[in-house]
Amino acid sequence: MKKEIEYLKREITLMKVLLLDLMPHKEEDWLDSADVKQLFNFSERKLYRLCKANVIPHTKIGE
């Protein structure tokens, strides 16, 4: 179990670095969830979990 947790922590750290490098740096440039899912080959559920855990910077627009 400890190995799996450490593996997940490394993966999350790597994803943070990748996202920060790939994310637009201007406020007017945004990626929607479909773009992020396609770019990183994430499922809807994985993207939701990462946003809920504040691993991925996000803003909800609309409802």
Protein backbone atom coordinates (compact mmCIF):
# COMPACT_ATOMS: atom_id res chain seq x y z
CA MET A 1 0.00 0.00 0.00
CA LYS A 2 2.81 2.42 0.84
CA LYS A 3 4.44 1.87 -2.57
CA GLU A 4 1.17 2.68 -4.32
CA ILE A 5 0.74 5.90 -2.33
CA GLU A 6 4.28 7.02 -3.12
CA TYR A 7 3.72 6.19 -6.79
CA LEU A 8 0.53 8.27 -6.84
CA LYS A 9 2.28 11.18 -5.15
CA ARG A 10 5.02 11.13 -7.81
CA GLU A 11 2.43 10.95 -10.59
CA ILE A 12 0.51 13.91 -9.15
CA THR A 13 3.70 15.94 -8.85
CA LEU A 14 4.58 15.13 -12.46
CA MET A 15 1.10 16.12 -13.62
CA LYS A 16 1.37 19.43 -11.77
CA VAL A 17 4.65 20.20 -13.52
CA LEU A 18 3.26 19.22 -16.92
CA LEU A 19 0.12 21.26 -16.42
CA LEU A 20 2.01 24.34 -15.32
CA ASP A 21 4.27 24.06 -18.38
CA LEU A 22 1.38 23.52 -20.78
CA MET A 23 -1.24 25.81 -19.30
CA PRO A 24 -1.66 29.17 -20.95
CA HIS A 25 -0.12 31.95 -18.90
CA LYS A 26 -2.58 34.66 -19.85
CA GLU A 27 -5.85 34.89 -17.98
CA GLU A 28 -7.85 35.13 -21.20
CA ASP A 29 -6.50 31.76 -22.44
CA TRP A 30 -8.33 28.79 -20.94
CA LEU A 31 -8.64 25.08 -21.55
CA ASP A 32 -12.00 23.45 -21.05
CA SER A 33 -12.41 20.01 -19.54
CA ALA A 34 -12.62 18.34 -22.97
CA ASP A 35 -9.25 19.86 -23.94
CA VAL A 36 -7.60 18.71 -20.71
CA LYS A 37 -9.06 15.21 -21.01
CA GLN A 38 -7.81 14.90 -24.58
CA LEU A 39 -4.40 16.43 -23.86
CA PHE A 40 -3.68 14.09 -20.93
CA ASN A 41 -5.92 11.17 -21.93
CA PHE A 42 -7.91 11.50 -18.70
CA SER A 43 -11.34 10.08 -18.09
CA GLU A 44 -14.12 12.38 -16.92
CA ARG A 45 -13.90 10.81 -13.46
CA LYS A 46 -10.12 11.24 -13.18
CA LEU A 47 -10.35 14.89 -14.18
CA TYR A 48 -13.11 15.43 -11.61
CA ARG A 49 -11.05 13.78 -8.85
CA LEU A 50 -7.96 15.85 -9.69
CA CYS A 51 -9.96 19.08 -9.66
CA LYS A 52 -11.71 18.15 -6.42
CA ALA A 53 -8.31 17.45 -4.79
CA ASN A 54 -7.02 20.83 -6.10
CA VAL A 55 -4.28 19.07 -8.06
CA ILE A 56 -5.34 20.89 -11.22
CA PRO A 57 -6.03 24.62 -11.05
CA HIS A 58 -9.60 25.12 -12.19
CA THR A 59 -12.54 27.48 -12.27
CA LYS A 60 -16.16 26.52 -12.70
CA ILE A 61 -17.97 28.74 -15.16
CA GLY A 62 -21.75 28.68 -15.31
CA GLU A 63 -24.19 26.98 -12.96
